[in-house]
Amino acid sequence: MSLLIVSACAVPAPHFMGAEPVRAEVQGSRFVMRRNGKLVEVIRVNREWAPRLSEQLGRRAEIAVERAYGCPVKTIRGDAALMIARLKCGKPDDLAEIGYGPG
């Protein structure tokens, strides 16, 4: 039963269904990511004590996405469990804008 609950945590949103999952770990944070065009769904799948998106978690997610897909991240929106990253392929690399809520 607990395996089913853990597995359900990484189920993609409808917009990302059918996209191949990519797993990554950055500084102890583990993510499952799925890409659809310029959008990447980023699901954190490990336990962390009181992670905050505005602190290190957002940057770890940004690094994971850029390593996996080879494009800089324009924005990351969401919370400590589920984020949506918008890629800016073909543009100069710099830090992503990180914020809460929908992008």
PDB file of N, CA and C in Angstrom:
ATOM      1  N   MET A   1       0.818  -1.191   0.000  1.00  0.00           N
ATOM      2  CA  MET A   1       0.000   0.000   0.000  1.00  0.00           C
ATOM      3  C   MET A   1       0.866   1.260   0.000  1.00  0.00           C
ATOM      4  N   SER A   2       1.913   1.283   0.835  1.00  0.00           N
ATOM      5  CA  SER A   2       2.757   2.475   0.894  1.00  0.00           C
ATOM      6  C   SER A   2       3.502   2.706  -0.412  1.00  0.00           C
ATOM      7  N   LEU A   3       3.831   1.641  -1.135  1.00  0.00           N
ATOM      8  CA  LEU A   3       4.488   1.794  -2.431  1.00  0.00           C
ATOM      9  C   LEU A   3       3.566   2.515  -3.407  1.00  0.00           C
ATOM     10  N   LEU A   4       2.292   2.194  -3.374  1.00  0.00           N
ATOM     11  CA  LEU A   4       1.322   2.865  -4.234  1.00  0.00           C
ATOM     12  C   LEU A   4       1.236   4.354  -3.911  1.00  0.00           C
ATOM     13  N   ILE A   5       1.261   4.699  -2.643  1.00  0.00           N
ATOM     14  CA  ILE A   5       1.185   6.099  -2.237  1.00  0.00           C
ATOM     15  C   ILE A   5       2.417   6.862  -2.702  1.00  0.00           C
ATOM     16  N   VAL A   6       3.601   6.282  -2.527  1.00  0.00           N
ATOM     17  CA  VAL A   6       4.838   6.932  -2.966  1.00  0.00           C
ATOM     18  C   VAL A   6       4.850   7.085  -4.477  1.00  0.00           C
ATOM     19  N   SER A   7       4.413   6.069  -5.204  1.00  0.00           N
ATOM     20  CA  SER A   7       4.386   6.126  -6.666  1.00  0.00           C
ATOM     21  C   SER A   7       3.432   7.197  -7.164  1.00  0.00           C
ATOM     22  N   ALA A   8       2.322   7.370  -6.489  1.00  0.00           N
ATOM     23  CA  ALA A   8       1.324   8.347  -6.920  1.00  0.00           C
ATOM     24  C   ALA A   8       1.845   9.772  -6.819  1.00  0.00           C
ATOM     25  N   CYS A   9       2.838  10.007  -5.991  1.00  0.00           N
ATOM     26  CA  CYS A   9       3.373  11.352  -5.821  1.00  0.00           C
ATOM     27  C   CYS A   9       4.059  11.882  -7.072  1.00  0.00           C
ATOM     28  N   ALA A  10       4.532  10.989  -7.936  1.00  0.00           N
ATOM     29  CA  ALA A  10       5.254  11.416  -9.135  1.00  0.00           C
ATOM     30  C   ALA A  10       4.412  11.266 -10.401  1.00  0.00           C
ATOM     31  N   VAL A  11       3.093  11.203 -10.252  1.00  0.00           N
ATOM     32  CA  VAL A  11       2.203  11.094 -11.409  1.00  0.00           C
ATOM     33  C   VAL A  11       2.129  12.464 -12.088  1.00  0.00           C
ATOM     34  N   PRO A  12       2.335  12.509 -13.415  1.00  0.00           N
ATOM     35  CA  PRO A  12       2.348  13.802 -14.106  1.00  0.00           C
ATOM     36  C   PRO A  12       0.963  14.418 -14.238  1.00  0.00           C
ATOM     37  N   ALA A  13       0.958  15.735 -14.375  1.00  0.00           N
ATOM     38  CA  ALA A  13      -0.267  16.456 -14.698  1.00  0.00           C
ATOM     39  C   ALA A  13      -0.682  16.089 -16.121  1.00  0.00           C
ATOM     40  N   PRO A  14      -1.940  16.262 -16.483  1.00  0.00           N
ATOM     41  CA  PRO A  14      -2.401  15.884 -17.822  1.00  0.00           C
ATOM     42  C   PRO A  14      -1.561  16.482 -18.964  1.00  0.00           C
ATOM     43  N   HIS A  15      -1.085  17.712 -18.814  1.00  0.00           N
ATOM     44  CA  HIS A  15      -0.284  18.365 -19.859  1.00  0.00           C
ATOM     45  C   HIS A  15       1.030  17.626 -20.127  1.00  0.00           C
ATOM     46  N   PHE A  16       1.498  16.832 -19.155  1.00  0.00           N
ATOM     47  CA  PHE A  16       2.776  16.149 -19.275  1.00  0.00           C
ATOM     48  C   PHE A  16       2.633  14.637 -19.420  1.00  0.00           C
ATOM     49  N   MET A  17       1.396  14.139 -19.530  1.00  0.00           N
ATOM     50  CA  MET A  17       1.170  12.703 -19.723  1.00  0.00           C
ATOM     51  C   MET A  17       1.838  12.256 -21.017  1.00  0.00           C
ATOM     52  N   GLY A  18       2.469  11.116 -20.967  1.00  0.00           N
ATOM     53  CA  GLY A  18       3.129  10.576 -22.147  1.00  0.00           C
ATOM     54  C   GLY A  18       4.567  11.040 -22.309  1.00  0.00           C
ATOM     55  N   ALA A  19       4.967  12.085 -21.602  1.00  0.00           N
ATOM     56  CA  ALA A  19       6.355  12.559 -21.662  1.00  0.00           C
ATOM     57  C   ALA A  19       7.228  11.615 -20.845  1.00  0.00           C
ATOM     58  N   GLU A  20       8.379  11.298 -21.375  1.00  0.00           N
ATOM     59  CA  GLU A  20       9.300  10.387 -20.705  1.00  0.00           C
ATOM     60  C   GLU A  20       9.848  11.041 -19.430  1.00  0.00           C
ATOM     61  N   PRO A  21       9.746  10.367 -18.279  1.00  0.00           N
ATOM     62  CA  PRO A  21      10.276  10.959 -17.054  1.00  0.00           C
ATOM     63  C   PRO A  21      11.805  10.932 -17.037  1.00  0.00           C
ATOM     64  N   VAL A  22      12.390  11.982 -16.516  1.00  0.00           N
ATOM     65  CA  VAL A  22      13.835  12.083 -16.344  1.00  0.00           C
ATOM     66  C   VAL A  22      14.085  12.289 -14.858  1.00  0.00           C
ATOM     67  N   ARG A  23      14.945  11.479 -14.291  1.00  0.00           N
ATOM     68  CA  ARG A  23      15.249  11.583 -12.860  1.00  0.00           C
ATOM     69  C   ARG A  23      16.589  12.285 -12.671  1.00  0.00           C
ATOM     70  N   ALA A  24      16.672  13.101 -11.625  1.00  0.00           N
ATOM     71  CA  ALA A  24      17.915  13.816 -11.348  1.00  0.00           C
ATOM     72  C   ALA A  24      18.032  14.063  -9.856  1.00  0.00           C
ATOM     73  N   GLU A  25      19.277  14.201  -9.395  1.00  0.00           N
ATOM     74  CA  GLU A  25      19.542  14.565  -8.012  1.00  0.00           C
ATOM     75  C   GLU A  25      20.559  15.688  -7.997  1.00  0.00           C
ATOM     76  N   VAL A  26      20.252  16.726  -7.237  1.00  0.00           N
ATOM     77  CA  VAL A  26      21.155  17.868  -7.078  1.00  0.00           C
ATOM     78  C   VAL A  26      21.253  18.185  -5.596  1.00  0.00           C
ATOM     79  N   GLN A  27      22.432  18.066  -5.050  1.00  0.00           N
ATOM     80  CA  GLN A  27      22.710  18.390  -3.648  1.00  0.00           C
ATOM     81  C   GLN A  27      21.690  17.778  -2.692  1.00  0.00           C
ATOM     82  N   GLY A  28      21.352  16.515  -2.899  1.00  0.00           N
ATOM     83  CA  GLY A  28      20.444  15.804  -2.012  1.00  0.00           C
ATOM     84  C   GLY A  28      18.971  15.919  -2.347  1.00  0.00           C
ATOM     85  N   SER A  29      18.591  16.823  -3.221  1.00  0.00           N
ATOM     86  CA  SER A  29      17.193  16.933  -3.660  1.00  0.00           C
ATOM     87  C   SER A  29      17.018  16.054  -4.896  1.00  0.00           C
ATOM     88  N   ARG A  30      16.000  15.190  -4.870  1.00  0.00           N
ATOM     89  CA  ARG A  30      15.737  14.300  -6.004  1.00  0.00           C
ATOM     90  C   ARG A  30      14.462  14.745  -6.720  1.00  0.00           C
ATOM     91  N   PHE A  31      14.526  14.730  -8.044  1.00  0.00           N
ATOM     92  CA  PHE A  31      13.426  15.214  -8.871  1.00  0.00           C
ATOM     93  C   PHE A  31      13.072  14.217  -9.959  1.00  0.00           C
ATOM     94  N   VAL A  32      11.796  14.211 -10.347  1.00  0.00           N
ATOM     95  CA  VAL A  32      11.326  13.557 -11.570  1.00  0.00           C
ATOM     96  C   VAL A  32      10.793  14.685 -12.442  1.00  0.00           C
ATOM     97  N   MET A  33      11.283  14.749 -13.683  1.00  0.00           N
ATOM     98  CA  MET A  33      10.921  15.852 -14.578  1.00  0.00           C
ATOM     99  C   MET A  33      10.321  15.295 -15.869  1.00  0.00           C
ATOM    100  N   ARG A  34       9.394  16.054 -16.441  1.00  0.00           N
ATOM    101  CA  ARG A  34       8.799  15.726 -17.730  1.00  0.00           C
ATOM    102  C   ARG A  34       8.688  17.010 -18.535  1.00  0.00           C
ATOM    103  N   ARG A  35       9.034  16.917 -19.816  1.00  0.00           N
ATOM    104  CA  ARG A  35       9.036  18.106 -20.666  1.00  0.00           C
ATOM    105  C   ARG A  35       7.950  18.019 -21.730  1.00  0.00           C
ATOM    106  N   ASN A  36       7.300  19.152 -21.949  1.00  0.00           N
ATOM    107  CA  ASN A  36       6.349  19.313 -23.046  1.00  0.00           C
ATOM    108  C   ASN A  36       6.627  20.687 -23.646  1.00  0.00           C
ATOM    109  N   GLY A  37       7.328  20.723 -24.770  1.00  0.00           N
ATOM    110  CA  GLY A  37       7.707  21.988 -25.388  1.00  0.00           C
ATOM    111  C   GLY A  37       8.692  22.740 -24.516  1.00  0.00           C
ATOM    112  N   LYS A  38       8.370  23.994 -24.196  1.00  0.00           N
ATOM    113  CA  LYS A  38       9.251  24.811 -23.355  1.00  0.00           C
ATOM    114  C   LYS A  38       8.935  24.672 -21.870  1.00  0.00           C
ATOM    115  N   LEU A  39       7.942  23.858 -21.526  1.00  0.00           N
ATOM    116  CA  LEU A  39       7.570  23.679 -20.125  1.00  0.00           C
ATOM    117  C   LEU A  39       8.092  22.355 -19.593  1.00  0.00           C
ATOM    118  N   VAL A  40       8.578  22.393 -18.354  1.00  0.00           N
ATOM    119  CA  VAL A  40       9.056  21.193 -17.684  1.00  0.00           C
ATOM    120  C   VAL A  40       8.377  21.099 -16.324  1.00  0.00           C
ATOM    121  N   GLU A  41       7.720  19.977 -16.087  1.00  0.00           N
ATOM    122  CA  GLU A  41       7.146  19.701 -14.775  1.00  0.00           C
ATOM    123  C   GLU A  41       8.253  19.104 -13.910  1.00  0.00           C
ATOM    124  N   VAL A  42       8.463  19.668 -12.733  1.00  0.00           N
ATOM    125  CA  VAL A  42       9.518  19.221 -11.815  1.00  0.00           C
ATOM    126  C   VAL A  42       8.853  18.795 -10.513  1.00  0.00           C
ATOM    127  N   ILE A  43       8.925  17.500 -10.202  1.00  0.00           N
ATOM    128  CA  ILE A  43       8.326  16.973  -8.980  1.00  0.00           C
ATOM    129  C   ILE A  43       9.455  16.540  -8.049  1.00  0.00           C
ATOM    130  N   ARG A  44       9.490  17.108  -6.851  1.00  0.00           N
ATOM    131  CA  ARG A  44      10.492  16.667  -5.864  1.00  0.00           C
ATOM    132  C   ARG A  44       9.971  15.395  -5.234  1.00  0.00           C
ATOM    133  N   VAL A  45      10.802  14.343  -5.208  1.00  0.00           N
ATOM    134  CA  VAL A  45      10.333  13.030  -4.765  1.00  0.00           C
ATOM    135  C   VAL A  45      11.019  12.539  -3.500  1.00  0.00           C
ATOM    136  N   ASN A  46      11.800  13.367  -2.841  1.00  0.00           N
ATOM    137  CA  ASN A  46      12.424  12.941  -1.592  1.00  0.00           C
ATOM    138  C   ASN A  46      11.908  13.787  -0.433  1.00  0.00           C
ATOM    139  N   ARG A  47      12.150  13.286   0.754  1.00  0.00           N
ATOM    140  CA  ARG A  47      11.757  14.041   1.953  1.00  0.00           C
ATOM    141  C   ARG A  47      12.870  15.019   2.299  1.00  0.00           C
ATOM    142  N   GLU A  48      12.482  16.227   2.655  1.00  0.00           N
ATOM    143  CA  GLU A  48      13.424  17.227   3.134  1.00  0.00           C
ATOM    144  C   GLU A  48      12.734  17.993   4.246  1.00  0.00           C
ATOM    145  N   TRP A  49      13.491  18.398   5.226  1.00  0.00           N
ATOM    146  CA  TRP A  49      12.914  19.142   6.343  1.00  0.00           C
ATOM    147  C   TRP A  49      12.665  20.583   5.917  1.00  0.00           C
ATOM    148  N   ALA A  50      11.431  20.993   5.879  1.00  0.00           N
ATOM    149  CA  ALA A  50      10.998  22.365   5.609  1.00  0.00           C
ATOM    150  C   ALA A  50      11.709  23.029   4.426  1.00  0.00           C
ATOM    151  N   PRO A  51      11.669  22.389   3.239  1.00  0.00           N
ATOM    152  CA  PRO A  51      12.311  23.034   2.090  1.00  0.00           C
ATOM    153  C   PRO A  51      11.530  24.266   1.655  1.00  0.00           C
ATOM    154  N   ARG A  52      12.243  25.283   1.218  1.00  0.00           N
ATOM    155  CA  ARG A  52      11.599  26.507   0.737  1.00  0.00           C
ATOM    156  C   ARG A  52      12.057  26.770  -0.680  1.00  0.00           C
ATOM    157  N   LEU A  53      11.101  26.984  -1.563  1.00  0.00           N
ATOM    158  CA  LEU A  53      11.403  27.221  -2.963  1.00  0.00           C
ATOM    159  C   LEU A  53      12.281  28.446  -3.132  1.00  0.00           C
ATOM    160  N   SER A  54      12.035  29.479  -2.346  1.00  0.00           N
ATOM    161  CA  SER A  54      12.767  30.734  -2.515  1.00  0.00           C
ATOM    162  C   SER A  54      14.216  30.640  -2.054  1.00  0.00           C
ATOM    163  N   GLU A  55      14.546  29.609  -1.329  1.00  0.00           N
ATOM    164  CA  GLU A  55      15.927  29.447  -0.885  1.00  0.00           C
ATOM    165  C   GLU A  55      16.659  28.522  -1.854  1.00  0.00           C
ATOM    166  N   GLN A  56      17.226  27.444  -1.382  1.00  0.00           N
ATOM    167  CA  GLN A  56      18.071  26.594  -2.224  1.00  0.00           C
ATOM    168  C   GLN A  56      17.306  25.638  -3.138  1.00  0.00           C
ATOM    169  N   LEU A  57      16.103  25.250  -2.775  1.00  0.00           N
ATOM    170  CA  LEU A  57      15.380  24.251  -3.557  1.00  0.00           C
ATOM    171  C   LEU A  57      15.114  24.718  -4.988  1.00  0.00           C
ATOM    172  N   GLY A  58      14.733  25.969  -5.167  1.00  0.00           N
ATOM    173  CA  GLY A  58      14.483  26.494  -6.506  1.00  0.00           C
ATOM    174  C   GLY A  58      15.726  26.438  -7.378  1.00  0.00           C
ATOM    175  N   ARG A  59      16.883  26.762  -6.812  1.00  0.00           N
ATOM    176  CA  ARG A  59      18.136  26.703  -7.577  1.00  0.00           C
ATOM    177  C   ARG A  59      18.514  25.264  -7.905  1.00  0.00           C
ATOM    178  N   ARG A  60      18.270  24.342  -6.957  1.00  0.00           N
ATOM    179  CA  ARG A  60      18.554  22.924  -7.237  1.00  0.00           C
ATOM    180  C   ARG A  60      17.674  22.416  -8.377  1.00  0.00           C
ATOM    181  N   ALA A  61      16.400  22.804  -8.373  1.00  0.00           N
ATOM    182  CA  ALA A  61      15.501  22.411  -9.459  1.00  0.00           C
ATOM    183  C   ALA A  61      15.972  23.007 -10.781  1.00  0.00           C
ATOM    184  N   GLU A  62      16.399  24.262 -10.759  1.00  0.00           N
ATOM    185  CA  GLU A  62      16.911  24.917 -11.970  1.00  0.00           C
ATOM    186  C   GLU A  62      18.118  24.155 -12.519  1.00  0.00           C
ATOM    187  N   ILE A  63      19.048  23.790 -11.663  1.00  0.00           N
ATOM    188  CA  ILE A  63      20.234  23.045 -12.083  1.00  0.00           C
ATOM    189  C   ILE A  63      19.831  21.702 -12.676  1.00  0.00           C
ATOM    190  N   ALA A  64      18.901  20.999 -12.029  1.00  0.00           N
ATOM    191  CA  ALA A  64      18.455  19.689 -12.523  1.00  0.00           C
ATOM    192  C   ALA A  64      17.847  19.800 -13.912  1.00  0.00           C
ATOM    193  N   VAL A  65      16.996  20.793 -14.123  1.00  0.00           N
ATOM    194  CA  VAL A  65      16.349  20.984 -15.428  1.00  0.00           C
ATOM    195  C   VAL A  65      17.384  21.316 -16.498  1.00  0.00           C
ATOM    196  N   GLU A  66      18.294  22.234 -16.199  1.00  0.00           N
ATOM    197  CA  GLU A  66      19.298  22.637 -17.191  1.00  0.00           C
ATOM    198  C   GLU A  66      20.226  21.486 -17.548  1.00  0.00           C
ATOM    199  N   ARG A  67      20.601  20.672 -16.576  1.00  0.00           N
ATOM    200  CA  ARG A  67      21.441  19.497 -16.864  1.00  0.00           C
ATOM    201  C   ARG A  67      20.697  18.483 -17.731  1.00  0.00           C
ATOM    202  N   ALA A  68      19.424  18.275 -17.423  1.00  0.00           N
ATOM    203  CA  ALA A  68      18.644  17.255 -18.128  1.00  0.00           C
ATOM    204  C   ALA A  68      18.297  17.655 -19.556  1.00  0.00           C
ATOM    205  N   TYR A  69      17.984  18.935 -19.782  1.00  0.00           N
ATOM    206  CA  TYR A  69      17.459  19.352 -21.076  1.00  0.00           C
ATOM    207  C   TYR A  69      18.378  20.276 -21.853  1.00  0.00           C
ATOM    208  N   GLY A  70      19.464  20.723 -21.261  1.00  0.00           N
ATOM    209  CA  GLY A  70      20.470  21.492 -21.984  1.00  0.00           C
ATOM    210  C   GLY A  70      20.082  22.911 -22.358  1.00  0.00           C
ATOM    211  N   CYS A  71      19.036  23.438 -21.760  1.00  0.00           N
ATOM    212  CA  CYS A  71      18.605  24.815 -22.023  1.00  0.00           C
ATOM    213  C   CYS A  71      18.526  25.568 -20.707  1.00  0.00           C
ATOM    214  N   PRO A  72      18.815  26.873 -20.709  1.00  0.00           N
ATOM    215  CA  PRO A  72      18.639  27.654 -19.493  1.00  0.00           C
ATOM    216  C   PRO A  72      17.161  27.763 -19.117  1.00  0.00           C
ATOM    217  N   VAL A  73      16.915  27.944 -17.831  1.00  0.00           N
ATOM    218  CA  VAL A  73      15.555  28.099 -17.306  1.00  0.00           C
ATOM    219  C   VAL A  73      15.226  29.578 -17.217  1.00  0.00           C
ATOM    220  N   LYS A  74      14.066  29.962 -17.762  1.00  0.00           N
ATOM    221  CA  LYS A  74      13.612  31.347 -17.685  1.00  0.00           C
ATOM    222  C   LYS A  74      12.923  31.611 -16.351  1.00  0.00           C
ATOM    223  N   THR A  75      11.965  30.753 -15.991  1.00  0.00           N
ATOM    224  CA  THR A  75      11.236  30.914 -14.727  1.00  0.00           C
ATOM    225  C   THR A  75      10.944  29.553 -14.121  1.00  0.00           C
ATOM    226  N   ILE A  76      10.775  29.560 -12.811  1.00  0.00           N
ATOM    227  CA  ILE A  76      10.294  28.385 -12.082  1.00  0.00           C
ATOM    228  C   ILE A  76       9.191  28.888 -11.159  1.00  0.00           C
ATOM    229  N   ARG A  77       8.036  28.246 -11.218  1.00  0.00           N
ATOM    230  CA  ARG A  77       6.902  28.606 -10.367  1.00  0.00           C
ATOM    231  C   ARG A  77       6.367  27.345  -9.713  1.00  0.00           C
ATOM    232  N   GLY A  78       5.839  27.481  -8.532  1.00  0.00           N
ATOM    233  CA  GLY A  78       5.225  26.353  -7.858  1.00  0.00           C
ATOM    234  C   GLY A  78       5.487  26.381  -6.374  1.00  0.00           C
ATOM    235  N   ASP A  79       5.617  25.206  -5.797  1.00  0.00           N
ATOM    236  CA  ASP A  79       5.909  25.102  -4.376  1.00  0.00           C
ATOM    237  C   ASP A  79       7.028  24.092  -4.178  1.00  0.00           C
ATOM    238  N   ALA A  80       7.270  23.693  -2.945  1.00  0.00           N
ATOM    239  CA  ALA A  80       8.407  22.817  -2.648  1.00  0.00           C
ATOM    240  C   ALA A  80       8.230  21.400  -3.178  1.00  0.00           C
ATOM    241  N   ALA A  81       7.031  21.010  -3.574  1.00  0.00           N
ATOM    242  CA  ALA A  81       6.791  19.663  -4.072  1.00  0.00           C
ATOM    243  C   ALA A  81       6.657  19.605  -5.590  1.00  0.00           C
ATOM    244  N   LEU A  82       6.019  20.602  -6.196  1.00  0.00           N
ATOM    245  CA  LEU A  82       5.738  20.590  -7.629  1.00  0.00           C
ATOM    246  C   LEU A  82       6.025  21.962  -8.221  1.00  0.00           C
ATOM    247  N   MET A  83       6.852  21.975  -9.255  1.00  0.00           N
ATOM    248  CA  MET A  83       7.214  23.227  -9.912  1.00  0.00           C
ATOM    249  C   MET A  83       7.043  23.076 -11.420  1.00  0.00           C
ATOM    250  N   ILE A  84       6.831  24.191 -12.081  1.00  0.00           N
ATOM    251  CA  ILE A  84       6.831  24.239 -13.536  1.00  0.00           C
ATOM    252  C   ILE A  84       7.946  25.189 -13.943  1.00  0.00           C
ATOM    253  N   ALA A  85       8.859  24.681 -14.752  1.00  0.00           N
ATOM    254  CA  ALA A  85       9.967  25.495 -15.261  1.00  0.00           C
ATOM    255  C   ALA A  85       9.681  25.836 -16.715  1.00  0.00           C
ATOM    256  N   ARG A  86       9.976  27.061 -17.106  1.00  0.00           N
ATOM    257  CA  ARG A  86       9.846  27.494 -18.497  1.00  0.00           C
ATOM    258  C   ARG A  86      11.264  27.660 -19.037  1.00  0.00           C
ATOM    259  N   LEU A  87      11.553  26.940 -20.119  1.00  0.00           N
ATOM    260  CA  LEU A  87      12.883  26.978 -20.726  1.00  0.00           C
ATOM    261  C   LEU A  87      13.024  28.183 -21.650  1.00  0.00           C
ATOM    262  N   LYS A  88      14.248  28.652 -21.802  1.00  0.00           N
ATOM    263  CA  LYS A  88      14.534  29.713 -22.770  1.00  0.00           C
ATOM    264  C   LYS A  88      15.689  29.251 -23.655  1.00  0.00           C
ATOM    265  N   CYS A  89      15.408  28.231 -24.433  1.00  0.00           N
ATOM    266  CA  CYS A  89      16.412  27.669 -25.330  1.00  0.00           C
ATOM    267  C   CYS A  89      16.842  28.709 -26.356  1.00  0.00           C
ATOM    268  N   GLY A  90      18.142  28.764 -26.632  1.00  0.00           N
ATOM    269  CA  GLY A  90      18.665  29.691 -27.618  1.00  0.00           C
ATOM    270  C   GLY A  90      18.959  31.077 -27.095  1.00  0.00           C
ATOM    271  N   LYS A  91      18.741  31.321 -25.792  1.00  0.00           N
ATOM    272  CA  LYS A  91      19.007  32.635 -25.204  1.00  0.00           C
ATOM    273  C   LYS A  91      20.173  32.515 -24.231  1.00  0.00           C
ATOM    274  N   PRO A  92      20.832  33.630 -23.909  1.00  0.00           N
ATOM    275  CA  PRO A  92      21.966  33.584 -22.980  1.00  0.00           C
ATOM    276  C   PRO A  92      21.567  33.026 -21.619  1.00  0.00           C
ATOM    277  N   ASP A  93      22.508  32.326 -21.000  1.00  0.00           N
ATOM    278  CA  ASP A  93      22.252  31.714 -19.705  1.00  0.00           C
ATOM    279  C   ASP A  93      22.391  32.739 -18.573  1.00  0.00           C
ATOM    280  N   ASP A  94      21.427  32.726 -17.673  1.00  0.00           N
ATOM    281  CA  ASP A  94      21.512  33.484 -16.434  1.00  0.00           C
ATOM    282  C   ASP A  94      20.573  32.818 -15.443  1.00  0.00           C
ATOM    283  N   LEU A  95      20.461  33.339 -14.254  1.00  0.00           N
ATOM    284  CA  LEU A  95      19.638  32.708 -13.234  1.00  0.00           C
ATOM    285  C   LEU A  95      18.151  32.864 -13.542  1.00  0.00           C
ATOM    286  N   ALA A  96      17.396  31.832 -13.195  1.00  0.00           N
ATOM    287  CA  ALA A  96      15.951  31.853 -13.396  1.00  0.00           C
ATOM    288  C   ALA A  96      15.279  32.741 -12.365  1.00  0.00           C
ATOM    289  N   GLU A  97      14.124  33.252 -12.723  1.00  0.00           N
ATOM    290  CA  GLU A  97      13.269  33.965 -11.775  1.00  0.00           C
ATOM    291  C   GLU A  97      12.467  32.893 -11.053  1.00  0.00           C
ATOM    292  N   ILE A  98      12.521  32.891  -9.733  1.00  0.00           N
ATOM    293  CA  ILE A  98      11.846  31.863  -8.934  1.00  0.00           C
ATOM    294  C   ILE A  98      10.721  32.509  -8.147  1.00  0.00           C
ATOM    295  N   GLY A  99       9.544  31.895  -8.206  1.00  0.00           N
ATOM    296  CA  GLY A  99       8.410  32.467  -7.497  1.00  0.00           C
ATOM    297  C   GLY A  99       7.367  31.425  -7.194  1.00  0.00           C
ATOM    298  N   TYR A 100       6.379  31.799  -6.434  1.00  0.00           N
ATOM    299  CA  TYR A 100       5.312  30.913  -6.028  1.00  0.00           C
ATOM    300  C   TYR A 100       4.134  31.043  -6.993  1.00  0.00           C
ATOM    301  N   GLY A 101       3.344  29.972  -7.061  1.00  0.00           N
ATOM    302  CA  GLY A 101       2.108  30.014  -7.808  1.00  0.00           C
ATOM    303  C   GLY A 101       2.270  29.687  -9.268  1.00  0.00           C
ATOM    304  N   PRO A 102       1.190  29.773 -10.045  1.00  0.00           N
ATOM    305  CA  PRO A 102       1.232  29.417 -11.456  1.00  0.00           C
ATOM    306  C   PRO A 102       2.081  30.400 -12.272  1.00  0.00           C
ATOM    307  N   GLY A 103       2.665  29.877 -13.332  1.00  0.00           N
ATOM    308  CA  GLY A 103       3.530  30.696 -14.191  1.00  0.00           C
ATOM    309  C   GLY A 103       2.751  31.368 -15.207  1.00  0.00           C
TER     310      GLY A 103
END
